[in-house]
Protein backbone atom coordinates (compact mmCIF):
# COMPACT_ATOMS: atom_id res chain seq x y z
CA MET A 1 40.67 -48.69 17.45
CA ALA A 2 36.89 -48.08 16.93
CA ASP A 3 34.89 -50.49 14.60
CA PRO A 4 32.56 -49.27 11.87
CA TRP A 5 29.98 -48.41 14.59
CA GLY A 6 32.25 -46.37 16.67
CA GLU A 7 32.67 -49.14 19.33
CA ARG A 8 36.01 -49.93 21.04
CA MET A 9 35.54 -53.28 22.65
CA PRO A 10 36.13 -56.73 20.86
CA ARG A 11 32.88 -58.13 19.41
CA SER A 12 33.12 -61.61 21.10
CA VAL A 13 29.83 -62.38 22.62
CA SER A 14 27.97 -65.10 20.48
CA LEU A 15 24.12 -65.43 19.79
CA LEU A 16 23.47 -68.17 22.49
CA GLN A 17 25.56 -65.89 25.15
CA THR A 18 23.17 -62.79 24.11
CA ILE A 19 20.05 -64.96 24.63
CA ALA A 20 21.47 -65.96 28.20
CA VAL A 21 21.88 -62.38 29.00
CA SER A 22 18.02 -61.53 27.77
CA VAL A 23 16.72 -64.71 29.63
CA GLY A 24 19.12 -64.39 32.48
CA ILE A 25 18.03 -60.79 33.57
CA THR A 26 14.41 -61.29 32.95
CA ILE A 27 13.80 -64.40 34.93
CA GLY A 28 14.41 -63.44 38.40
CA SER A 29 12.71 -63.97 41.79
CA GLY A 30 9.41 -62.74 40.60
CA ILE A 31 8.15 -65.99 39.05
CA PHE A 32 8.42 -67.73 42.37
CA ARG A 33 5.91 -65.33 44.10
CA VAL A 34 4.02 -63.26 41.41
CA PRO A 35 1.69 -66.34 40.45
CA ALA A 36 0.08 -66.11 43.95
CA THR A 37 -0.45 -62.30 43.59
CA VAL A 38 -2.20 -62.89 40.34
CA ALA A 39 -4.42 -65.71 41.73
CA ALA A 40 -5.33 -63.52 44.58
CA GLN A 41 -6.68 -60.81 42.19
CA LEU A 42 -8.24 -62.94 39.46
CA GLN A 43 -9.21 -66.23 41.08
CA ALA A 44 -10.24 -67.85 37.78
CA PRO A 45 -7.62 -70.02 35.86
CA GLY A 46 -8.86 -68.73 32.44
CA ALA A 47 -8.17 -65.17 33.48
CA MET A 48 -4.73 -66.00 35.20
CA LEU A 49 -3.42 -67.66 32.21
CA LEU A 50 -4.67 -64.69 29.94
CA CYS A 51 -2.90 -62.41 32.27
CA TRP A 52 0.51 -64.03 31.75
CA VAL A 53 -0.14 -64.50 27.94
CA LEU A 54 -0.94 -60.83 27.57
CA GLY A 55 2.30 -60.00 29.54
CA GLY A 56 4.22 -62.09 27.17
CA ILE A 57 2.58 -60.70 23.97
CA ILE A 58 3.49 -56.99 25.34
CA ALA A 59 7.19 -57.99 26.02
CA LEU A 60 7.47 -59.71 22.78
CA CYS A 61 6.03 -56.70 20.96
CA GLY A 62 8.69 -54.55 22.72
CA ALA A 63 11.25 -57.00 21.62
CA LEU A 64 10.27 -57.26 18.13
CA THR A 65 10.24 -53.53 17.83
CA VAL A 66 13.48 -52.71 19.65
CA ALA A 67 15.13 -55.44 17.51
CA GLU A 68 14.81 -53.06 14.43
CA LEU A 69 16.88 -50.21 16.40
CA ALA A 70 19.21 -52.75 17.67
CA ALA A 71 20.18 -54.14 14.12
CA ALA A 72 20.52 -50.80 12.66
CA LEU A 73 22.41 -49.17 15.71
CA PRO A 74 24.27 -51.86 17.21
CA ARG A 75 25.79 -49.46 19.91
CA SER A 76 26.97 -50.06 23.60
CA GLY A 77 24.13 -48.69 26.05
CA GLY A 78 21.20 -50.19 24.16
CA ILE A 79 18.28 -47.91 25.02
CA PHE A 80 20.59 -44.85 25.75
CA ALA A 81 22.11 -45.18 22.08
CA TYR A 82 18.57 -45.47 20.57
CA LEU A 83 17.03 -42.26 22.57
CA LEU A 84 20.23 -40.31 21.70
CA GLU A 85 19.82 -41.11 18.14
CA GLY A 86 16.02 -40.63 18.06
CA TYR A 87 15.55 -37.63 20.18
CA GLY A 88 19.10 -36.06 21.21
CA PRO A 89 21.30 -35.74 24.28
CA LEU A 90 18.81 -34.84 27.05
CA PRO A 91 16.34 -37.72 26.73
CA ALA A 92 19.41 -40.15 26.45
CA PHE A 93 20.87 -38.28 29.63
CA LEU A 94 17.68 -38.51 31.60
CA PHE A 95 17.71 -42.36 31.00
CA GLY A 96 21.20 -42.72 32.03
CA TRP A 97 20.66 -40.51 35.10
CA THR A 98 17.59 -42.54 36.14
CA GLU A 99 19.68 -45.66 35.79
CA LEU A 100 22.40 -44.20 37.73
CA ILE A 101 20.65 -42.66 40.62
CA VAL A 102 18.03 -45.31 41.23
CA ILE A 103 17.22 -48.05 38.96
CA ARG A 104 20.51 -50.03 38.52
CA ALA A 105 21.74 -49.68 41.88
CA ALA A 106 18.43 -50.43 43.51
CA ALA A 107 18.15 -53.23 41.30
CA LEU A 108 21.50 -54.75 41.98
CA GLY A 109 20.77 -54.35 45.89
CA ALA A 110 17.43 -55.97 45.61
CA ILE A 111 18.70 -58.98 43.60
CA ALA A 112 21.82 -59.38 45.72
CA THR A 113 19.59 -59.32 49.01
CA ILE A 114 17.22 -62.00 47.59
CA PHE A 115 20.35 -64.22 46.70
CA ALA A 116 21.72 -63.84 50.23
CA GLU A 117 18.39 -64.18 51.97
CA TYR A 118 17.71 -67.42 50.23
CA LEU A 119 21.41 -68.58 50.71
CA GLY A 120 20.49 -68.32 54.25
CA TYR A 121 18.33 -71.53 53.98
CA PHE A 122 21.53 -73.37 53.70
CA VAL A 123 23.91 -71.20 55.76
CA PRO A 124 22.13 -69.46 58.60
CA LEU A 125 22.79 -65.73 58.40
CA SER A 126 21.56 -62.76 60.65
CA GLY A 127 20.14 -59.71 59.23
CA SER A 128 23.51 -57.79 59.06
CA GLU A 129 24.98 -60.92 57.54
CA VAL A 130 22.44 -60.86 54.91
CA ARG A 131 23.42 -57.37 53.88
CA GLN A 132 27.28 -58.20 54.06
CA THR A 133 26.76 -61.54 51.96
CA ALA A 134 24.59 -59.32 49.38
CA ALA A 135 27.59 -56.89 49.19
CA LEU A 136 30.06 -59.58 48.63
CA ALA A 137 27.92 -61.00 46.01
CA ILE A 138 28.06 -57.77 44.02
CA VAL A 139 31.56 -57.30 44.31
CA LEU A 140 32.00 -61.01 43.10
CA VAL A 141 30.07 -60.29 39.96
CA GLY A 142 31.78 -57.04 39.32
CA ALA A 143 34.92 -58.87 39.44
CA ILE A 144 34.02 -61.48 37.32
CA ASN A 145 32.65 -58.81 34.70
CA TYR A 146 36.04 -56.92 34.89
CA VAL A 147 38.13 -59.80 33.96
CA GLY A 148 36.59 -60.21 30.58
CA VAL A 149 33.37 -60.27 28.77
CA GLN A 150 33.74 -63.72 27.74
CA ARG A 151 34.31 -65.05 31.25
CA ALA A 152 31.47 -63.18 32.37
CA ALA A 153 29.21 -64.47 29.52
CA ALA A 154 30.26 -68.10 30.20
CA VAL A 155 29.39 -67.91 33.79
CA LEU A 156 26.10 -66.10 32.92
CA SER A 157 25.15 -68.64 30.33
CA ALA A 158 25.94 -71.54 32.67
CA SER A 159 23.82 -69.99 35.50
CA THR A 160 21.02 -69.07 33.12
CA ALA A 161 20.84 -72.47 31.68
CA VAL A 162 20.56 -74.20 35.13
CA LYS A 163 18.15 -71.57 36.17
CA TYR A 164 15.94 -72.19 33.10
CA ALA A 165 16.13 -75.90 33.32
CA VAL A 166 15.24 -76.01 36.89
CA LEU A 167 12.08 -73.71 36.52
CA LEU A 168 11.06 -75.70 33.43
CA ALA A 169 11.23 -78.76 35.52
CA LEU A 170 9.35 -77.50 38.53
CA GLY A 171 6.68 -76.56 36.22
CA LEU A 172 6.34 -80.05 34.35
CA LEU A 173 6.87 -81.57 37.84
CA ALA A 174 4.10 -79.86 39.27
CA PHE A 175 1.74 -81.85 36.84
CA THR A 176 2.48 -84.85 39.23
CA ALA A 177 1.88 -83.06 42.43
CA THR A 178 0.06 -85.02 45.08
CA GLY A 179 -3.65 -83.97 45.29
CA ALA A 180 -3.35 -82.65 41.59
CA ARG A 181 -6.64 -81.71 40.29
CA ALA A 182 -8.10 -83.56 37.17
CA ALA A 183 -9.61 -80.51 35.52
CA PRO A 184 -7.61 -77.64 36.77
CA LEU A 185 -8.70 -75.14 34.22
CA THR A 186 -12.43 -75.61 34.77
CA PRO A 187 -14.47 -73.47 35.41
CA ALA A 188 -12.13 -71.02 33.65
CA TRP A 189 -14.27 -67.86 34.10
CA ALA A 190 -16.03 -68.57 37.21
CA GLY A 191 -18.00 -65.37 38.10
CA GLY A 192 -16.67 -63.50 35.22
CA VAL A 193 -13.71 -61.07 35.49
CA GLN A 194 -13.98 -57.36 35.12
CA GLY A 195 -11.53 -55.78 32.79
CA TRP A 196 -9.86 -53.29 35.32
CA VAL A 197 -9.21 -56.28 37.56
CA LEU A 198 -7.41 -58.04 34.93
CA ALA A 199 -5.62 -54.90 34.15
CA SER A 200 -4.37 -54.40 37.61
CA ALA A 201 -3.09 -58.00 37.70
CA LEU A 202 -1.27 -57.43 34.57
CA ILE A 203 1.21 -54.73 36.40
CA PRO A 204 3.00 -57.27 38.68
CA VAL A 205 2.98 -59.79 35.57
CA MET A 206 4.96 -57.01 33.71
CA TRP A 207 7.60 -56.84 36.34
CA THR A 208 8.29 -60.50 35.84
CA TYR A 209 8.74 -59.76 32.25
CA ASP A 210 10.91 -56.75 32.58
CA GLY A 211 14.46 -57.25 31.14
CA TRP A 212 13.48 -58.11 27.68
CA ALA A 213 15.19 -55.04 25.99
CA ASP A 214 18.47 -55.16 28.43
CA ALA A 215 20.62 -57.31 26.16
CA THR A 216 20.86 -54.36 23.93
CA ALA A 217 23.13 -52.76 26.30
CA VAL A 218 25.92 -54.96 25.37
CA ALA A 219 25.28 -54.45 21.63
CA GLY A 220 28.80 -53.06 21.33
CA GLU A 221 30.32 -56.37 22.04
CA ILE A 222 27.92 -58.87 20.43
CA ARG A 223 29.32 -60.64 17.36
CA ASN A 224 27.68 -60.04 14.00
CA PRO A 225 25.16 -57.67 15.76
CA GLN A 226 22.83 -56.94 12.70
CA ARG A 227 21.87 -60.62 12.81
CA ASN A 228 22.31 -61.90 16.25
CA LEU A 229 20.81 -58.94 18.35
CA PRO A 230 17.33 -59.10 16.63
CA LEU A 231 17.35 -62.97 17.05
CA ALA A 232 18.31 -62.96 20.59
CA LEU A 233 15.85 -60.41 21.65
CA ILE A 234 12.98 -62.19 19.99
CA ALA A 235 14.18 -65.55 21.19
CA GLY A 236 14.61 -64.40 24.78
CA ALA A 237 11.39 -62.99 24.90
CA VAL A 238 9.64 -66.23 23.49
CA CYS A 239 11.85 -68.46 25.85
CA VAL A 240 10.61 -66.56 28.93
CA MET A 241 6.88 -66.59 27.88
CA LEU A 242 7.03 -70.20 27.33
CA VAL A 243 8.55 -71.25 30.65
CA TYR A 244 6.32 -68.80 32.56
CA LEU A 245 3.26 -70.37 30.85
CA VAL A 246 4.66 -74.12 31.75
CA VAL A 247 5.03 -73.14 35.41
CA ASN A 248 1.58 -71.33 35.77
CA VAL A 249 -0.32 -74.17 34.14
CA GLY A 250 1.74 -76.69 36.48
CA PHE A 251 0.88 -74.68 39.47
CA LEU A 252 -2.88 -74.63 38.54
CA TYR A 253 -2.66 -78.48 38.45
CA ALA A 254 -0.97 -78.69 41.77
CA LEU A 255 -3.19 -76.03 43.67
CA ALA A 256 -6.52 -74.57 43.26
CA PRO A 257 -6.46 -70.39 42.57
CA ALA A 258 -7.59 -70.03 46.42
CA GLN A 259 -4.84 -72.18 47.55
CA MET A 260 -2.21 -70.43 45.29
CA ALA A 261 -3.54 -67.02 46.72
CA GLN A 262 -2.85 -67.92 50.16
CA SER A 263 0.63 -69.22 49.47
CA LYS A 264 3.25 -66.51 49.78
CA LEU A 265 6.00 -69.09 48.88
CA ILE A 266 3.91 -70.70 46.20
CA ALA A 267 7.02 -72.61 44.27
CA ALA A 268 7.98 -74.08 47.62
CA THR A 269 4.26 -74.97 48.47
CA VAL A 270 4.23 -76.65 45.08
CA ALA A 271 7.67 -78.23 45.47
CA GLU A 272 6.63 -80.01 48.63
CA ARG A 273 3.86 -81.88 46.92
CA ILE A 274 6.03 -83.45 44.13
CA PRO A 275 6.67 -87.10 45.13
CA LEU A 276 9.79 -87.31 43.20
CA LEU A 277 11.47 -84.48 45.54
CA GLY A 278 10.47 -86.24 48.66
CA GLY A 279 11.00 -83.90 51.57
CA ALA A 280 13.64 -81.80 49.60
CA GLY A 281 11.13 -79.48 47.93
CA ALA A 282 11.83 -76.41 50.05
CA ALA A 283 15.42 -76.88 49.58
CA VAL A 284 15.27 -77.28 45.82
CA VAL A 285 13.22 -73.92 45.48
CA ALA A 286 15.66 -72.19 47.84
CA ALA A 287 18.31 -73.60 45.63
CA ALA A 288 16.70 -72.42 42.53
CA VAL A 289 16.07 -68.93 43.82
CA VAL A 290 19.64 -68.75 44.72
CA VAL A 291 20.91 -69.56 41.17
CA SER A 292 18.12 -67.66 39.45
CA ALA A 293 19.11 -64.40 41.84
CA PHE A 294 22.75 -64.81 41.10
CA SER A 295 22.19 -65.09 37.20
CA SER A 296 20.18 -62.01 37.37
CA LEU A 297 22.64 -60.24 39.41
CA HIS A 298 25.34 -60.93 37.04
CA ALA A 299 23.28 -60.18 34.03
CA SER A 300 22.25 -56.67 35.71
CA MET A 301 25.97 -55.90 36.35
CA LEU A 302 27.10 -56.72 32.77
CA THR A 303 24.45 -54.62 31.16
CA GLY A 304 24.10 -51.65 33.80
CA SER A 305 27.98 -51.08 33.60
CA ARG A 306 27.58 -50.61 29.68
CA ILE A 307 25.07 -48.00 30.06
CA PHE A 308 27.42 -45.87 32.06
CA PHE A 309 30.39 -46.52 29.75
CA ALA A 310 28.28 -45.73 26.78
CA MET A 311 27.03 -42.31 28.55
CA ALA A 312 30.85 -41.36 29.12
CA ASP A 313 31.84 -42.56 25.67
CA ARG A 314 29.43 -40.28 24.01
CA GLY A 315 30.46 -37.09 26.32
CA LEU A 316 27.24 -37.21 28.61
CA PHE A 317 29.10 -38.37 31.83
CA PHE A 318 32.64 -38.31 33.39
CA ARG A 319 35.07 -39.16 30.83
CA ALA A 320 37.04 -41.64 33.04
CA ALA A 321 33.97 -43.93 33.11
CA ALA A 322 34.77 -44.59 29.27
CA ARG A 323 37.98 -46.15 29.92
CA VAL A 324 38.46 -49.72 28.50
CA SER A 325 40.85 -51.93 30.44
CA ALA A 326 43.98 -52.49 28.18
CA ARG A 327 44.45 -56.04 29.69
CA PHE A 328 40.84 -57.38 29.85
CA ASN A 329 38.94 -54.90 27.21
CA THR A 330 36.15 -54.44 29.68
CA PRO A 331 34.78 -50.97 30.79
CA SER A 332 36.77 -51.33 34.04
CA VAL A 333 35.77 -47.91 35.57
CA ALA A 334 32.17 -48.42 34.71
CA ILE A 335 31.94 -51.67 36.30
CA ALA A 336 33.58 -50.21 39.33
CA LEU A 337 31.02 -47.51 39.55
CA ALA A 338 28.13 -50.17 39.27
CA THR A 339 29.92 -52.21 41.71
CA VAL A 340 30.28 -49.18 44.15
CA LEU A 341 26.68 -48.18 43.88
CA GLY A 342 25.12 -51.48 44.11
CA VAL A 343 27.19 -52.17 47.57
CA ALA A 344 26.02 -48.60 49.01
CA TYR A 345 22.43 -49.41 48.12
CA VAL A 346 22.43 -52.96 49.75
CA LEU A 347 24.03 -51.66 52.85
CA GLN A 348 21.07 -49.28 53.39
CA ASN A 349 17.90 -50.08 54.98
CA ASP A 350 14.56 -50.40 52.97
CA PHE A 351 16.59 -50.45 49.73
CA ALA A 352 14.32 -53.02 48.36
CA GLN A 353 11.25 -50.96 48.84
CA LEU A 354 13.16 -48.38 46.84
CA ALA A 355 13.66 -50.93 43.88
CA ASP A 356 9.77 -51.74 43.98
CA ARG A 357 8.80 -48.02 44.31
CA PHE A 358 10.99 -46.76 41.55
CA ILE A 359 10.95 -49.66 38.94
CA LEU A 360 8.35 -47.73 37.00
CA GLY A 361 10.82 -45.33 35.89
CA ILE A 362 12.17 -47.36 33.26
CA TRP A 363 8.69 -47.53 31.47
CA PRO A 364 8.44 -44.04 30.06
CA PHE A 365 11.88 -44.89 28.42
CA TYR A 366 10.67 -48.25 27.17
CA ALA A 367 7.84 -46.07 25.39
CA ALA A 368 10.18 -43.44 23.98
CA THR A 369 12.43 -46.28 22.61
CA VAL A 370 9.68 -48.01 20.83
CA ALA A 371 8.32 -44.70 19.44
CA ALA A 372 11.97 -43.96 18.05
CA VAL A 373 11.09 -46.57 15.42
CA PHE A 374 8.49 -44.39 14.18
CA VAL A 375 10.56 -41.12 14.38
CA LEU A 376 13.44 -42.58 12.57
CA ARG A 377 11.59 -44.17 9.93
CA ARG A 378 10.31 -40.74 9.13
CA ARG A 379 13.43 -38.74 9.76
CA SER A 380 16.11 -41.24 8.43
CA PRO A 381 14.62 -43.34 5.84
CA GLY A 382 18.20 -44.19 4.38
CA LEU A 383 19.21 -45.74 7.67
CA VAL A 384 20.37 -49.33 7.03
CA ARG A 385 17.83 -51.76 8.54
CA PRO A 386 18.84 -55.48 8.50
CA TYR A 387 15.75 -56.29 10.24
CA ARG A 388 12.28 -54.22 9.94
CA VAL A 389 9.68 -54.65 12.77
CA TRP A 390 7.12 -57.55 11.75
CA GLY A 391 3.74 -56.25 12.15
CA TYR A 392 4.60 -52.59 11.76
CA PRO A 393 2.84 -50.24 12.89
CA LEU A 394 0.56 -52.52 14.92
CA VAL A 395 3.35 -54.17 17.04
CA PRO A 396 4.80 -51.27 18.31
CA ALA A 397 1.63 -49.60 18.95
CA VAL A 398 0.25 -52.36 21.05
CA PHE A 399 3.30 -51.86 23.13
CA LEU A 400 3.04 -48.10 23.34
CA ILE A 401 -0.66 -48.46 24.59
CA ALA A 402 0.32 -50.83 27.25
CA SER A 403 2.95 -48.68 28.28
CA ALA A 404 0.75 -45.59 28.55
CA PHE A 405 -1.70 -48.02 30.47
CA MET A 406 0.94 -48.96 33.12
CA VAL A 407 2.01 -45.43 33.75
CA LEU A 408 -1.36 -43.99 33.88
CA ASN A 409 -2.57 -46.84 36.23
CA ALA A 410 0.48 -46.10 38.67
CA LEU A 411 -0.62 -42.47 38.86
CA VAL A 412 -4.15 -43.50 39.59
CA THR A 413 -3.28 -46.14 42.25
CA ASP A 414 0.06 -44.77 43.66
CA LEU A 415 0.26 -41.20 42.94
CA ARG A 416 2.82 -40.29 45.64
CA ASN A 417 5.49 -42.83 44.64
CA THR A 418 5.04 -42.53 41.09
CA GLY A 419 5.08 -38.56 41.49
CA LEU A 420 8.44 -38.98 43.20
CA THR A 421 9.94 -41.22 40.51
CA PHE A 422 8.98 -38.83 37.98
CA LEU A 423 10.52 -35.97 40.12
CA ILE A 424 13.84 -37.91 40.51
CA ILE A 425 13.72 -38.30 36.53
CA LEU A 426 13.06 -34.60 36.17
CA ALA A 427 15.88 -33.48 38.61
CA GLY A 428 18.32 -34.81 35.80
CA VAL A 429 17.13 -31.86 33.64
CA PRO A 430 18.99 -29.32 35.42
CA VAL A 431 21.97 -31.49 36.15
CA PHE A 432 22.03 -31.97 32.19
CA TRP A 433 22.20 -28.28 31.81
CA LEU A 434 24.59 -27.48 34.37
CA ARG A 435 27.00 -30.09 33.00
CA ARG A 436 26.51 -28.99 29.41
CA ARG A 437 27.38 -25.24 30.69
CA ALA A 438 30.58 -26.41 32.65
CA THR A 439 31.57 -28.57 29.57
CA ARG A 440 31.29 -25.56 27.26
CA GLY A 441 33.07 -23.40 29.65
CA SER A 442 35.95 -25.61 30.04
CA HIS A 443 36.24 -25.76 26.19
CA LEU A 444 36.09 -21.96 25.83
CA SER A 445 38.99 -21.66 28.62
CA HIS A 446 41.09 -24.02 26.78
CA ALA A 447 40.47 -22.12 23.80
């Protein structure tokens, strides 16, 4: 039986578990390598930290805005549900199409491969064994998600807590690193930093913050959603921003920007200089990445499957994908679909490049979702809004400007891949109309 919002699964996920989803999916492997990329581009401590602060502010502006929609429309699918309410079925379908065809499967494949590669530090694995291990990891998290959202949330909460604690500890212990600099933040702006260089460095930083809105996908199973969803989104964004800043300040104490730029495995380089870790620095970092990747993989399966479920439940995908397991109260077919897609991608060559290439595809939908706050305030003034965006309209405007910049920057710097991404999104338009015509024809034939 559906609840007042039309959801058919039990609302059992707590506030802390929802925060764990948000933090778990956002903090992946990026924070272990992107600081080196930013250092290579900016070279000045002040500019580097400003870049991470700006990234956190943009993510927080997005979270503050989407929280209004999440509280007013606590439906499974998150962004899918908000696009459907704000603009109708076509934009919502295109979001689901993009998740189905590229983003979710490629993300699962990429995260699972990172998990397997770093697991290979402890158990030597060949190239084919890495792919097989990654595929098994996807099957494992699919199985955990299938046997109940509470079991899935418990595993995710534990792995996210460990990941966050290890990352925070690494950042704090970096202050004790051998050869740590006495004045790491000076000169803060050596030689000055051009605005366009700072803007370009912001792109990889935003990838590390990506995931700030994904907890909304599980909105149909969150307890007291009108209170807990906004709190979880905002708390999750703040927690991620804080730990990223601690890590980056710690890294700057341990290494000069030039050293950071030359260190591809920057977290391992810093860990090797921490006396408390002795000679185990590389092993500690490898273990941290394994736990981090597993947590992200688990959260990605949890949220991605709910998008497919929501599409089917609202009549925009095959109806079978809306099936809820009678025994476990989980979207069993949607979880199986996400698992199969992830395994298929992970067994392909160069899928990781696909994940990097197409990740931009989500940003137009982020922008449209944030803009939906303006649309619904005008069109549906009577909609019950337990939470309203703090700082409206400035806060959503900041996010929209940042999103427009990211898309334009990608078009200028990588027209081929960005254009291909948008072509894949637009390829969903004829699929939508063909499916609508087939569904309409089916209804007429039954009549």
